[in-house]
């Protein structure tokens, strides 16, 4: 499992956890999804621009 696979897995965990939180608690779904997608976007931007894959 390389670095970018770990980023994708973490994004999946953030979004899944946020959707479960919205579904199982009294937190509004749009608020829980926003709290899960915000760190996902940050991770995605880091993977694309901060530590971009390059050919060796």
N, C-alpha and C. Protein backbone atom coordinates (compact mmCIF):
# COMPACT_ATOMS: atom_id res chain seq x y z
N UNK A 1 0.86 -1.18 0.00
CA UNK A 1 0.00 0.00 0.00
C UNK A 1 0.90 1.24 0.00
N UNK A 2 0.84 2.00 -1.07
CA UNK A 2 1.71 3.17 -1.15
C UNK A 2 1.03 4.41 -0.56
N UNK A 3 1.72 5.52 -0.65
CA UNK A 3 1.29 6.77 -0.03
C UNK A 3 -0.08 7.23 -0.56
N UNK A 4 -0.27 7.13 -1.86
CA UNK A 4 -1.52 7.63 -2.46
C UNK A 4 -2.70 6.70 -2.17
N UNK A 5 -2.44 5.42 -2.00
CA UNK A 5 -3.49 4.51 -1.56
C UNK A 5 -3.95 4.86 -0.15
N UNK A 6 -3.01 5.24 0.70
CA UNK A 6 -3.36 5.64 2.07
C UNK A 6 -4.18 6.92 2.07
N UNK A 7 -3.86 7.85 1.17
CA UNK A 7 -4.65 9.08 1.07
C UNK A 7 -6.08 8.74 0.63
N UNK A 8 -6.23 7.88 -0.37
CA UNK A 8 -7.57 7.50 -0.83
C UNK A 8 -8.35 6.77 0.26
N UNK A 9 -7.69 5.91 1.01
CA UNK A 9 -8.37 5.19 2.10
C UNK A 9 -8.81 6.16 3.19
N UNK A 10 -7.98 7.14 3.49
CA UNK A 10 -8.33 8.13 4.51
C UNK A 10 -9.51 8.99 4.07
N UNK A 11 -9.53 9.36 2.80
CA UNK A 11 -10.67 10.13 2.27
C UNK A 11 -11.95 9.32 2.41
N UNK A 12 -11.88 8.03 2.06
CA UNK A 12 -13.04 7.16 2.21
C UNK A 12 -13.50 7.08 3.66
N UNK A 13 -12.56 6.96 4.59
CA UNK A 13 -12.90 6.88 6.02
C UNK A 13 -13.55 8.17 6.50
N UNK A 14 -13.00 9.34 6.10
CA UNK A 14 -13.59 10.62 6.49
C UNK A 14 -15.04 10.73 6.02
N UNK A 15 -15.28 10.43 4.76
CA UNK A 15 -16.62 10.61 4.21
C UNK A 15 -17.60 9.58 4.77
N UNK A 16 -17.15 8.35 4.94
CA UNK A 16 -18.02 7.31 5.51
C UNK A 16 -18.37 7.63 6.96
N UNK A 17 -17.40 8.05 7.74
CA UNK A 17 -17.65 8.40 9.13
C UNK A 17 -18.60 9.58 9.23
N UNK A 18 -18.42 10.57 8.38
CA UNK A 18 -19.30 11.74 8.41
C UNK A 18 -20.73 11.36 8.04
N UNK A 19 -20.89 10.51 7.04
CA UNK A 19 -22.26 10.13 6.66
C UNK A 19 -22.91 9.27 7.74
N UNK A 20 -22.15 8.40 8.38
CA UNK A 20 -22.72 7.61 9.48
C UNK A 20 -23.08 8.48 10.67
N UNK A 21 -22.26 9.48 10.95
CA UNK A 21 -22.56 10.40 12.04
C UNK A 21 -23.86 11.15 11.76
N UNK A 22 -24.05 11.60 10.54
CA UNK A 22 -25.28 12.31 10.18
C UNK A 22 -26.49 11.40 10.22
N UNK A 23 -26.29 10.14 9.86
CA UNK A 23 -27.41 9.21 9.83
C UNK A 23 -27.80 8.72 11.23
N UNK A 24 -26.81 8.48 12.08
CA UNK A 24 -27.08 7.85 13.37
C UNK A 24 -27.31 8.83 14.52
N UNK A 25 -26.97 10.10 14.33
CA UNK A 25 -27.13 11.07 15.41
C UNK A 25 -28.09 12.17 14.98
N UNK A 26 -28.28 13.13 15.86
CA UNK A 26 -29.18 14.24 15.55
C UNK A 26 -28.47 15.37 14.82
N UNK A 27 -27.20 15.17 14.47
CA UNK A 27 -26.46 16.17 13.70
C UNK A 27 -27.06 16.22 12.28
N UNK A 28 -27.34 17.42 11.77
CA UNK A 28 -27.88 17.50 10.40
C UNK A 28 -26.91 16.90 9.39
N UNK A 29 -27.47 16.23 8.39
CA UNK A 29 -26.65 15.53 7.41
C UNK A 29 -25.72 16.48 6.65
N UNK A 30 -26.22 17.67 6.30
CA UNK A 30 -25.36 18.59 5.55
C UNK A 30 -24.17 19.08 6.39
N UNK A 31 -24.37 19.24 7.69
CA UNK A 31 -23.28 19.64 8.56
C UNK A 31 -22.26 18.52 8.73
N UNK A 32 -22.74 17.30 8.92
CA UNK A 32 -21.81 16.19 9.09
C UNK A 32 -21.03 15.91 7.81
N UNK A 33 -21.69 16.02 6.66
CA UNK A 33 -20.98 15.80 5.40
C UNK A 33 -19.97 16.91 5.14
N UNK A 34 -20.31 18.13 5.51
CA UNK A 34 -19.34 19.23 5.35
C UNK A 34 -18.13 19.01 6.24
N UNK A 35 -18.36 18.48 7.44
CA UNK A 35 -17.22 18.23 8.33
C UNK A 35 -16.39 17.05 7.87
N UNK A 36 -16.94 16.18 7.07
CA UNK A 36 -16.16 15.06 6.54
C UNK A 36 -15.48 15.35 5.23
N UNK A 37 -16.12 16.18 4.40
CA UNK A 37 -15.53 16.47 3.10
C UNK A 37 -14.44 17.54 3.16
N UNK A 38 -14.49 18.41 4.17
CA UNK A 38 -13.46 19.46 4.27
C UNK A 38 -12.06 18.86 4.45
N UNK A 39 -11.83 17.97 5.41
CA UNK A 39 -10.49 17.38 5.47
C UNK A 39 -10.17 16.49 4.26
N UNK A 40 -11.21 15.91 3.65
CA UNK A 40 -10.98 15.11 2.45
C UNK A 40 -10.46 15.97 1.31
N UNK A 41 -11.01 17.17 1.16
CA UNK A 41 -10.55 18.08 0.11
C UNK A 41 -9.12 18.51 0.38
N UNK A 42 -8.82 18.77 1.65
CA UNK A 42 -7.45 19.17 2.00
C UNK A 42 -6.47 18.05 1.67
N UNK A 43 -6.82 16.81 2.00
CA UNK A 43 -5.95 15.67 1.68
C UNK A 43 -5.80 15.49 0.18
N UNK A 44 -6.88 15.65 -0.55
CA UNK A 44 -6.82 15.49 -2.00
C UNK A 44 -5.92 16.55 -2.62
N UNK A 45 -6.04 17.79 -2.17
CA UNK A 45 -5.20 18.86 -2.70
C UNK A 45 -3.73 18.64 -2.33
N UNK A 46 -3.49 18.12 -1.14
CA UNK A 46 -2.11 17.81 -0.75
C UNK A 46 -1.53 16.71 -1.66
N UNK A 47 -2.33 15.70 -1.94
CA UNK A 47 -1.86 14.62 -2.79
C UNK A 47 -1.64 15.05 -4.23
N UNK A 48 -2.46 15.99 -4.70
CA UNK A 48 -2.32 16.43 -6.09
C UNK A 48 -1.26 17.49 -6.28
N UNK A 49 -1.17 18.44 -5.36
CA UNK A 49 -0.30 19.59 -5.57
C UNK A 49 0.86 19.67 -4.58
N UNK A 50 0.66 19.27 -3.34
CA UNK A 50 1.70 19.38 -2.34
C UNK A 50 2.76 18.31 -2.48
N UNK A 51 2.31 17.09 -2.70
CA UNK A 51 3.22 15.96 -2.84
C UNK A 51 2.81 15.17 -4.08
N UNK A 52 2.88 15.82 -5.21
CA UNK A 52 2.37 15.26 -6.46
C UNK A 52 3.20 14.07 -6.91
N UNK A 53 2.52 13.09 -7.51
CA UNK A 53 3.28 11.96 -8.07
C UNK A 53 4.07 12.41 -9.29
N UNK A 54 5.31 12.02 -9.36
CA UNK A 54 6.18 12.39 -10.49
C UNK A 54 6.82 11.13 -11.05
N UNK A 55 7.11 11.17 -12.33
CA UNK A 55 7.81 10.05 -12.95
C UNK A 55 9.28 10.11 -12.59
N UNK A 56 9.84 8.96 -12.33
CA UNK A 56 11.26 8.91 -11.96
C UNK A 56 12.09 8.52 -13.15
